[in-house]
C-alpha atoms as a PDB file:
ATOM      1  CA  MET A   1      -0.017   0.090  -0.048  1.00  0.00           C
ATOM      2  CA  ASP A   2       1.222   3.652  -0.712  1.00  0.00           C
ATOM      3  CA  ARG A   3       2.856   5.180   2.074  1.00  0.00           C
ATOM      4  CA  GLY A   4       1.205   8.500   1.550  1.00  0.00           C
ATOM      5  CA  LEU A   5      -2.153   6.711   1.732  1.00  0.00           C
ATOM      6  CA  ILE A   6      -1.134   4.915   4.901  1.00  0.00           C
ATOM      7  CA  SER A   7      -0.049   8.234   6.495  1.00  0.00           C
ATOM      8  CA  SER A   8      -3.184  10.016   5.394  1.00  0.00           C
ATOM      9  CA  LEU A   9      -5.520   7.079   6.849  1.00  0.00           C
ATOM     10  CA  ALA A  10      -3.344   7.309  10.263  1.00  0.00           C
ATOM     11  CA  PHE A  11      -3.954  10.940  10.338  1.00  0.00           C
ATOM     12  CA  TRP A  12      -7.637  10.935  10.018  1.00  0.00           C
ATOM     13  CA  ALA A  13      -7.955   7.625  12.233  1.00  0.00           C
ATOM     14  CA  GLU A  14      -6.157   9.720  15.038  1.00  0.00           C
ATOM     15  CA  ALA A  15      -8.740  12.548  14.364  1.00  0.00           C
ATOM     16  CA  GLY A  16     -11.576  10.197  15.244  1.00  0.00           C
ATOM     17  CA  VAL A  17     -12.777   9.522  11.571  1.00  0.00           C
ATOM     18  CA  ASP A  18     -13.834   5.978  11.555  1.00  0.00           C
ATOM     19  CA  PHE A  19     -16.435   5.708   8.898  1.00  0.00           C
ATOM     20  CA  ALA A  20     -16.823   6.486   5.196  1.00  0.00           C
ATOM     21  CA  TYR A  21     -19.875   8.223   3.790  1.00  0.00           C
ATOM     22  CA  ALA A  22     -19.405   6.955   0.182  1.00  0.00           C
ATOM     23  CA  ASP A  23     -17.621   3.848  -1.493  1.00  0.00           C
ATOM     24  CA  ALA A  24     -16.118   6.060  -4.154  1.00  0.00           C
ATOM     25  CA  PRO A  25     -13.488   8.650  -3.290  1.00  0.00           C
ATOM     26  CA  VAL A  26     -14.158  12.416  -4.033  1.00  0.00           C
ATOM     27  CA  ASP A  27     -11.378  14.547  -5.270  1.00  0.00           C
ATOM     28  CA  ARG A  28     -12.097  17.727  -3.396  1.00  0.00           C
ATOM     29  CA  LEU A  29      -9.366  19.423  -5.287  1.00  0.00           C
ATOM     30  CA  LYS A  30     -10.668  19.021  -8.715  1.00  0.00           C
ATOM     31  CA  PRO A  31     -11.914  22.386 -10.165  1.00  0.00           C
ATOM     32  CA  VAL A  32     -15.791  22.661 -10.155  1.00  0.00           C
ATOM     33  CA  GLU A  33     -17.462  23.907 -13.340  1.00  0.00           C
ATOM     34  CA  ARG A  34     -19.860  26.657 -12.194  1.00  0.00           C
ATOM     35  CA  LYS A  35     -23.100  27.095 -13.869  1.00  0.00           C
ATOM     36  CA  ALA A  36     -24.154  30.622 -14.953  1.00  0.00           C
ATOM     37  CA  LEU A  37     -26.986  31.842 -12.825  1.00  0.00           C
ATOM     38  CA  ALA A  38     -30.256  32.721 -14.319  1.00  0.00           C
ATOM     39  CA  PRO A  39     -31.015  36.347 -14.909  1.00  0.00           C
ATOM     40  CA  ARG A  40     -33.329  37.979 -12.079  1.00  0.00           C
ATOM     41  CA  THR A  41     -36.557  38.956 -13.382  1.00  0.00           C
ATOM     42  CA  PRO A  42     -36.759  42.794 -13.076  1.00  0.00           C
ATOM     43  CA  ILE A  43     -39.348  44.137 -10.874  1.00  0.00           C
ATOM     44  CA  SER A  44     -41.865  46.401 -12.684  1.00  0.00           C
ATOM     45  CA  SER A  45     -41.588  50.109 -11.564  1.00  0.00           C
ATOM     46  CA  ALA A  46     -45.254  50.425 -12.117  1.00  0.00           C
ATOM     47  CA  ALA A  47     -46.051  47.718  -9.399  1.00  0.00           C
ATOM     48  CA  PRO A  48     -46.894  49.589  -5.960  1.00  0.00           C
ATOM     49  CA  ALA A  49     -44.705  49.055  -3.085  1.00  0.00           C
ATOM     50  CA  PRO A  50     -46.275  46.345  -0.757  1.00  0.00           C
ATOM     51  CA  SER A  51     -46.603  49.076   2.098  1.00  0.00           C
ATOM     52  CA  ALA A  52     -47.855  51.738  -0.046  1.00  0.00           C
ATOM     53  CA  ARG A  53     -51.505  52.746   0.901  1.00  0.00           C
ATOM     54  CA  ALA A  54     -53.832  54.207  -1.486  1.00  0.00           C
ATOM     55  CA  GLU A  55     -55.443  57.683  -0.397  1.00  0.00           C
ATOM     56  CA  PRO A  56     -59.201  57.286   0.087  1.00  0.00           C
ATOM     57  CA  ASP A  57     -61.335  58.823  -2.629  1.00  0.00           C
ATOM     58  CA  VAL A  58     -62.757  62.036  -0.998  1.00  0.00           C
ATOM     59  CA  SER A  59     -64.216  63.480  -4.390  1.00  0.00           C
ATOM     60  CA  ALA A  60     -67.727  62.935  -3.161  1.00  0.00           C
ATOM     61  CA  ALA A  61     -67.040  64.445   0.036  1.00  0.00           C
ATOM     62  CA  VAL A  62     -65.224  67.484  -1.656  1.00  0.00           C
ATOM     63  CA  ALA A  63     -68.347  67.923  -4.005  1.00  0.00           C
ATOM     64  CA  SER A  64     -70.763  67.798  -1.178  1.00  0.00           C
ATOM     65  CA  ALA A  65     -68.858  70.567   0.736  1.00  0.00           C
ATOM     66  CA  ARG A  66     -68.715  72.699  -2.417  1.00  0.00           C
ATOM     67  CA  ALA A  67     -72.350  72.386  -2.830  1.00  0.00           C
ATOM     68  CA  LEU A  68     -73.086  73.425   0.753  1.00  0.00           C
ATOM     69  CA  ALA A  69     -70.566  76.300   0.671  1.00  0.00           C
ATOM     70  CA  ALA A  70     -72.028  77.508  -2.307  1.00  0.00           C
ATOM     71  CA  GLN A  71     -75.387  77.905  -0.689  1.00  0.00           C
ATOM     72  CA  ALA A  72     -74.107  79.889   2.098  1.00  0.00           C
ATOM     73  CA  LEU A  73     -74.798  83.481   1.434  1.00  0.00           C
ATOM     74  CA  THR A  74     -73.595  84.735   4.769  1.00  0.00           C
ATOM     75  CA  LEU A  75     -70.818  83.839   7.194  1.00  0.00           C
ATOM     76  CA  THR A  76     -73.575  82.736   9.636  1.00  0.00           C
ATOM     77  CA  GLU A  77     -75.056  80.386   7.264  1.00  0.00           C
ATOM     78  CA  LEU A  78     -71.517  79.210   6.337  1.00  0.00           C
ATOM     79  CA  GLN A  79     -71.022  78.244   9.948  1.00  0.00           C
ATOM     80  CA  ALA A  80     -74.125  76.487  10.085  1.00  0.00           C
ATOM     81  CA  ALA A  81     -73.314  74.558   6.982  1.00  0.00           C
ATOM     82  CA  ILE A  82     -69.993  73.619   8.380  1.00  0.00           C
ATOM     83  CA  ALA A  83     -71.526  72.243  11.486  1.00  0.00           C
ATOM     84  CA  ALA A  84     -74.048  70.234   9.627  1.00  0.00           C
ATOM     85  CA  PHE A  85     -71.417  68.609   7.287  1.00  0.00           C
ATOM     86  CA  ASP A  86     -70.661  65.078   7.937  1.00  0.00           C
ATOM     87  CA  GLY A  87     -68.135  64.507   5.163  1.00  0.00           C
ATOM     88  CA  CYS A  88     -64.888  65.315   7.179  1.00  0.00           C
ATOM     89  CA  PRO A  89     -63.658  62.209   9.276  1.00  0.00           C
ATOM     90  CA  LEU A  90     -62.417  64.565  11.881  1.00  0.00           C
ATOM     91  CA  LYS A  91     -66.014  65.291  13.073  1.00  0.00           C
ATOM     92  CA  HIS A  92     -66.303  61.698  14.140  1.00  0.00           C
ATOM     93  CA  GLN A  93     -63.009  61.253  15.810  1.00  0.00           C
ATOM     94  CA  GLY A  94     -63.807  62.901  19.392  1.00  0.00           C
ATOM     95  CA  ALA A  95     -64.334  66.622  18.514  1.00  0.00           C
ATOM     96  CA  ARG A  96     -66.746  68.161  20.510  1.00  0.00           C
ATOM     97  CA  GLN A  97     -67.952  70.787  17.950  1.00  0.00           C
ATOM     98  CA  ALA A  98     -67.091  72.490  14.670  1.00  0.00           C
ATOM     99  CA  VAL A  99     -64.724  75.435  15.070  1.00  0.00           C
ATOM    100  CA  PHE A 100     -65.376  78.037  12.442  1.00  0.00           C
ATOM    101  CA  ALA A 101     -63.892  81.483  12.890  1.00  0.00           C
ATOM    102  CA  ARG A 102     -63.714  84.853  14.871  1.00  0.00           C
ATOM    103  CA  GLY A 103     -62.614  88.369  14.249  1.00  0.00           C
ATOM    104  CA  ARG A 104     -64.063  91.043  11.853  1.00  0.00           C
ATOM    105  CA  PRO A 105     -66.237  89.992   9.086  1.00  0.00           C
ATOM    106  CA  ASP A 106     -65.041  92.296   6.645  1.00  0.00           C
ATOM    107  CA  ALA A 107     -61.438  92.330   7.826  1.00  0.00           C
ATOM    108  CA  PRO A 108     -58.559  93.245   5.219  1.00  0.00           C
ATOM    109  CA  VAL A 109     -56.489  90.297   6.500  1.00  0.00           C
ATOM    110  CA  MET A 110     -57.633  86.751   6.973  1.00  0.00           C
ATOM    111  CA  VAL A 111     -55.327  84.722   9.129  1.00  0.00           C
ATOM    112  CA  ILE A 112     -55.621  81.009   8.501  1.00  0.00           C
ATOM    113  CA  GLY A 113     -54.343  78.227  10.827  1.00  0.00           C
ATOM    114  CA  GLU A 114     -53.940  74.578  10.640  1.00  0.00           C
ATOM    115  CA  GLY A 115     -56.693  73.242  12.829  1.00  0.00           C
ATOM    116  CA  PRO A 116     -58.402  73.735  16.375  1.00  0.00           C
ATOM    117  CA  GLY A 117     -56.770  72.593  19.563  1.00  0.00           C
ATOM    118  CA  ALA A 118     -58.382  71.497  22.864  1.00  0.00           C
ATOM    119  CA  GLU A 119     -59.148  75.131  23.981  1.00  0.00           C
ATOM    120  CA  GLU A 120     -60.459  75.835  20.546  1.00  0.00           C
ATOM    121  CA  ASP A 121     -62.557  72.530  20.553  1.00  0.00           C
ATOM    122  CA  LYS A 122     -63.982  73.414  24.197  1.00  0.00           C
ATOM    123  CA  GLN A 123     -64.676  77.118  23.268  1.00  0.00           C
ATOM    124  CA  GLY A 124     -65.767  76.867  19.781  1.00  0.00           C
ATOM    125  CA  GLU A 125     -63.477  79.423  18.421  1.00  0.00           C
ATOM    126  CA  PRO A 126     -60.268  79.386  16.786  1.00  0.00           C
ATOM    127  CA  PHE A 127     -56.880  80.755  18.273  1.00  0.00           C
ATOM    128  CA  VAL A 128     -57.984  81.038  21.992  1.00  0.00           C
ATOM    129  CA  GLY A 129     -55.434  78.927  23.741  1.00  0.00           C
ATOM    130  CA  ARG A 130     -52.038  80.103  24.633  1.00  0.00           C
ATOM    131  CA  ALA A 131     -50.989  80.132  20.928  1.00  0.00           C
ATOM    132  CA  GLY A 132     -53.962  82.218  20.154  1.00  0.00           C
ATOM    133  CA  GLN A 133     -53.120  84.696  22.799  1.00  0.00           C
ATOM    134  CA  LEU A 134     -49.705  85.151  21.530  1.00  0.00           C
ATOM    135  CA  LEU A 135     -50.960  85.539  18.111  1.00  0.00           C
ATOM    136  CA  ASP A 136     -53.368  88.364  19.364  1.00  0.00           C
ATOM    137  CA  LYS A 137     -50.447  90.306  21.098  1.00  0.00           C
ATOM    138  CA  MET A 138     -48.224  90.095  18.036  1.00  0.00           C
ATOM    139  CA  LEU A 139     -51.046  91.390  15.797  1.00  0.00           C
ATOM    140  CA  ALA A 140     -51.775  94.247  18.123  1.00  0.00           C
ATOM    141  CA  ALA A 141     -48.136  95.072  18.376  1.00  0.00           C
ATOM    142  CA  ALA A 142     -47.943  95.279  14.560  1.00  0.00           C
ATOM    143  CA  GLY A 143     -50.935  97.602  14.352  1.00  0.00           C
ATOM    144  CA  LEU A 144     -53.244  94.863  13.033  1.00  0.00           C
ATOM    145  CA  ASP A 145     -55.676  94.574  15.940  1.00  0.00           C
ATOM    146  CA  GLY A 146     -59.168  94.486  14.741  1.00  0.00           C
ATOM    147  CA  GLN A 147     -57.945  94.189  10.977  1.00  0.00           C
ATOM    148  CA  VAL A 148     -58.227  90.347  10.984  1.00  0.00           C
ATOM    149  CA  PHE A 149     -60.644  87.420  10.342  1.00  0.00           C
ATOM    150  CA  ILE A 150     -59.213  84.272  11.819  1.00  0.00           C
ATOM    151  CA  THR A 151     -60.089  80.630  10.702  1.00  0.00           C
ATOM    152  CA  ASN A 152     -58.279  77.221   9.906  1.00  0.00           C
ATOM    153  CA  THR A 153     -57.932  74.795   7.198  1.00  0.00           C
ATOM    154  CA  VAL A 154     -60.064  72.316   9.115  1.00  0.00           C
ATOM    155  CA  PHE A 155     -62.907  72.905  11.440  1.00  0.00           C
ATOM    156  CA  TRP A 156     -62.787  69.878  13.762  1.00  0.00           C
ATOM    157  CA  ARG A 157     -60.031  69.129  16.427  1.00  0.00           C
ATOM    158  CA  PRO A 158     -57.576  66.268  15.145  1.00  0.00           C
ATOM    159  CA  PRO A 159     -56.950  63.487  17.714  1.00  0.00           C
ATOM    160  CA  ASP A 160     -54.220  64.452  20.076  1.00  0.00           C
ATOM    161  CA  ASN A 161     -53.729  67.893  18.290  1.00  0.00           C
ATOM    162  CA  ARG A 162     -52.039  66.136  15.345  1.00  0.00           C
ATOM    163  CA  THR A 163     -51.433  67.991  12.172  1.00  0.00           C
ATOM    164  CA  PRO A 164     -54.546  67.644   9.733  1.00  0.00           C
ATOM    165  CA  THR A 165     -53.672  65.580   6.705  1.00  0.00           C
ATOM    166  CA  PRO A 166     -54.053  66.828   3.218  1.00  0.00           C
ATOM    167  CA  MET A 167     -57.153  64.689   2.664  1.00  0.00           C
ATOM    168  CA  GLU A 168     -58.969  66.357   5.649  1.00  0.00           C
ATOM    169  CA  GLN A 169     -57.736  69.837   4.354  1.00  0.00           C
ATOM    170  CA  ALA A 170     -59.140  68.843   0.916  1.00  0.00           C
ATOM    171  CA  VAL A 171     -62.546  68.166   2.283  1.00  0.00           C
ATOM    172  CA  CYS A 172     -62.671  71.360   4.220  1.00  0.00           C
ATOM    173  CA  ALA A 173     -61.348  73.354   1.588  1.00  0.00           C
ATOM    174  CA  PRO A 174     -64.603  74.776  -0.185  1.00  0.00           C
ATOM    175  CA  PHE A 175     -65.713  76.153   3.247  1.00  0.00           C
ATOM    176  CA  VAL A 176     -62.322  77.900   3.499  1.00  0.00           C
ATOM    177  CA  GLU A 177     -62.688  79.223  -0.100  1.00  0.00           C
ATOM    178  CA  ARG A 178     -66.093  80.362   0.683  1.00  0.00           C
ATOM    179  CA  ALA A 179     -65.292  82.071   3.727  1.00  0.00           C
ATOM    180  CA  ILE A 180     -62.771  84.008   1.875  1.00  0.00           C
ATOM    181  CA  ALA A 181     -65.201  85.096  -0.766  1.00  0.00           C
ATOM    182  CA  LEU A 182     -67.550  86.212   1.859  1.00  0.00           C
ATOM    183  CA  VAL A 183     -65.117  88.205   3.956  1.00  0.00           C
ATOM    184  CA  ARG A 184     -63.177  89.464   0.811  1.00  0.00           C
ATOM    185  CA  PRO A 185     -59.894  90.246   2.530  1.00  0.00           C
ATOM    186  CA  ARG A 186     -57.007  91.851   0.741  1.00  0.00           C
ATOM    187  CA  LEU A 187     -54.370  89.662   2.122  1.00  0.00           C
ATOM    188  CA  LEU A 188     -53.970  86.177   3.495  1.00  0.00           C
ATOM    189  CA  LEU A 189     -51.561  85.224   6.502  1.00  0.00           C
ATOM    190  CA  LEU A 190     -51.126  81.438   6.569  1.00  0.00           C
ATOM    191  CA  ALA A 191     -49.956  80.415   9.860  1.00  0.00           C
ATOM    192  CA  GLY A 192     -47.977  77.130  10.150  1.00  0.00           C
ATOM    193  CA  GLY A 193     -46.420  74.584   7.835  1.00  0.00           C
ATOM    194  CA  ALA A 194     -49.807  72.681   7.255  1.00  0.00           C
ATOM    195  CA  ALA A 195     -51.646  75.681   6.631  1.00  0.00           C
ATOM    196  CA  ALA A 196     -49.252  77.125   4.029  1.00  0.00           C
ATOM    197  CA  LYS A 197     -48.595  73.871   2.119  1.00  0.00           C
ATOM    198  CA  GLY A 198     -52.392  73.073   2.127  1.00  0.00           C
ATOM    199  CA  MET A 199     -53.638  76.514   0.933  1.00  0.00           C
ATOM    200  CA  LEU A 200     -50.595  77.010  -1.618  1.00  0.00           C
ATOM    201  CA  GLN A 201     -50.133  73.253  -2.690  1.00  0.00           C
ATOM    202  CA  ARG A 202     -46.554  73.464  -1.884  1.00  0.00           C
ATOM    203  CA  THR A 203     -44.434  70.856  -0.535  1.00  0.00           C
ATOM    204  CA  GLU A 204     -41.674  72.841   1.122  1.00  0.00           C
ATOM    205  CA  GLY A 205     -41.284  73.314   4.919  1.00  0.00           C
ATOM    206  CA  ILE A 206     -42.503  76.355   6.644  1.00  0.00           C
ATOM    207  CA  LEU A 207     -39.036  77.638   7.149  1.00  0.00           C
ATOM    208  CA  THR A 208     -38.457  77.891   3.500  1.00  0.00           C
ATOM    209  CA  LEU A 209     -42.003  79.298   2.683  1.00  0.00           C
ATOM    210  CA  ARG A 210     -42.215  81.792   5.281  1.00  0.00           C
ATOM    211  CA  GLY A 211     -41.259  85.404   4.568  1.00  0.00           C
ATOM    212  CA  GLN A 212     -42.440  85.012   1.070  1.00  0.00           C
ATOM    213  CA  TRP A 213     -45.541  86.299  -1.009  1.00  0.00           C
ATOM    214  CA  PHE A 214     -47.386  83.886  -2.859  1.00  0.00           C
ATOM    215  CA  ALA A 215     -50.569  84.082  -5.027  1.00  0.00           C
ATOM    216  CA  TRP A 216     -53.436  81.937  -3.502  1.00  0.00           C
ATOM    217  CA  THR A 217     -56.004  80.989  -6.258  1.00  0.00           C
ATOM    218  CA  ALA A 218     -59.682  79.660  -5.641  1.00  0.00           C
ATOM    219  CA  HIS A 219     -60.541  76.279  -7.093  1.00  0.00           C
ATOM    220  CA  ASP A 220     -62.566  77.749  -9.760  1.00  0.00           C
ATOM    221  CA  GLY A 221     -59.897  80.622 -10.512  1.00  0.00           C
ATOM    222  CA  ALA A 222     -62.466  83.277  -9.790  1.00  0.00           C
ATOM    223  CA  LEU A 223     -60.452  84.781  -6.831  1.00  0.00           C
ATOM    224  CA  SER A 224     -56.833  85.236  -6.323  1.00  0.00           C
ATOM    225  CA  LEU A 225     -54.975  86.866  -3.341  1.00  0.00           C
ATOM    226  CA  PRO A 226     -51.541  87.686  -2.248  1.00  0.00           C
ATOM    227  CA  ALA A 227     -50.603  85.130   0.637  1.00  0.00           C
ATOM    228  CA  LEU A 228     -47.810  85.392   3.272  1.00  0.00           C
ATOM    229  CA  ALA A 229     -46.655  82.218   5.076  1.00  0.00           C
ATOM    230  CA  THR A 230     -45.261  82.687   8.591  1.00  0.00           C
ATOM    231  CA  LEU A 231     -44.439  80.451  11.630  1.00  0.00           C
ATOM    232  CA  HIS A 232     -47.223  79.237  13.719  1.00  0.00           C
ATOM    233  CA  PRO A 233     -47.603  80.921  17.140  1.00  0.00           C
ATOM    234  CA  ALA A 234     -47.490  77.324  18.756  1.00  0.00           C
ATOM    235  CA  PHE A 235     -44.212  76.843  17.323  1.00  0.00           C
ATOM    236  CA  LEU A 236     -42.993  80.134  18.716  1.00  0.00           C
ATOM    237  CA  LEU A 237     -44.101  79.034  22.388  1.00  0.00           C
ATOM    238  CA  ARG A 238     -41.701  76.149  21.906  1.00  0.00           C
ATOM    239  CA  GLN A 239     -38.990  77.973  20.071  1.00  0.00           C
ATOM    240  CA  PRO A 240     -38.993  81.767  21.201  1.00  0.00           C
ATOM    241  CA  LEU A 241     -36.033  82.382  18.970  1.00  0.00           C
ATOM    242  CA  GLY A 242     -38.492  82.106  16.231  1.00  0.00           C
ATOM    243  CA  LYS A 243     -40.240  85.054  17.190  1.00  0.00           C
ATOM    244  CA  LYS A 244     -37.767  87.511  15.495  1.00  0.00           C
ATOM    245  CA  LYS A 245     -38.686  85.800  11.928  1.00  0.00           C
ATOM    246  CA  ALA A 246     -42.574  85.960  12.776  1.00  0.00           C
ATOM    247  CA  TRP A 247     -42.182  89.543  13.572  1.00  0.00           C
ATOM    248  CA  GLN A 248     -40.409  90.336  10.251  1.00  0.00           C
ATOM    249  CA  ASP A 249     -43.210  88.600   8.589  1.00  0.00           C
ATOM    250  CA  LEU A 250     -45.815  90.662  10.356  1.00  0.00           C
ATOM    251  CA  MET A 251     -44.199  93.850   9.303  1.00  0.00           C
ATOM    252  CA  MET A 252     -44.062  92.571   5.770  1.00  0.00           C
ATOM    253  CA  LEU A 253     -47.807  92.247   5.959  1.00  0.00           C
ATOM    254  CA  ALA A 254     -48.571  95.519   7.719  1.00  0.00           C
ATOM    255  CA  ALA A 255     -46.277  97.253   4.857  1.00  0.00           C
ATOM    256  CA  ARG A 256     -48.262  95.384   2.218  1.00  0.00           C
ATOM    257  CA  LEU A 257     -51.584  96.292   3.690  1.00  0.00           C
ATOM    258  CA  GLU A 258     -50.699  99.768   3.794  1.00  0.00           C
ATOM    259  CA  GLU A 259     -49.828  99.859   0.146  1.00  0.00           C
ATOM    260  CA  THR A 260     -53.063  98.250  -0.630  1.00  0.00           C
ATOM    261  CA  SER A 261     -54.957 100.890   1.262  1.00  0.00           C
ATOM    262  CA  ALA A 262     -53.434 103.631  -0.517  1.00  0.00           C
END
């Protein structure tokens, strides 16, 4: 017997190998012929991602809101129409009541925020909590006291004071447009990122949008107004350093209002 084979067998025996799994030897050093892998089937870009969720169809609710809003000839009638409207999901998610507006009904400036909070839901008026008190002080300091009509993009408090969704804003938009048409302000002040993005149909954040004039246009194109985005007073309560930027925005608003009055 070959000495190399005897040595190899002795090595494996000492290692504890005492059983052969096959009768024929296998050359482990022989090059293996590798088969080409089959090409992967490309994933169609048109196929939706598994986690993607389709937005609910709110076209019927928007159409209903638009019809109700068009029938309102006064702000009082519009407030009643909003209270009777059942198409916004927020109405059925714990809100106590519809929160419409407060302020001068023929104001030259309309302030539009995001949505009611807990105190607004309780009292039935927008911007009456701490953020609203700060807003009133800032408006008064800028010489705009008694010059504003205040409302929101949605009229029911979102659960846990979360930001209203674009879908919820879209359902309420016909009522907001009707309020603008009835008040006939000369300027719009959009408070907060959700209000600015919803009203202007923009995707940028509020720190990018603020301090700039945009053109807001109604759904039917019948009305267009200059709109200025600014920081929400609730944000200023959390980030007081932002008050300087908000004050600059109000100065821009006051100056533009003076120009339109001349």
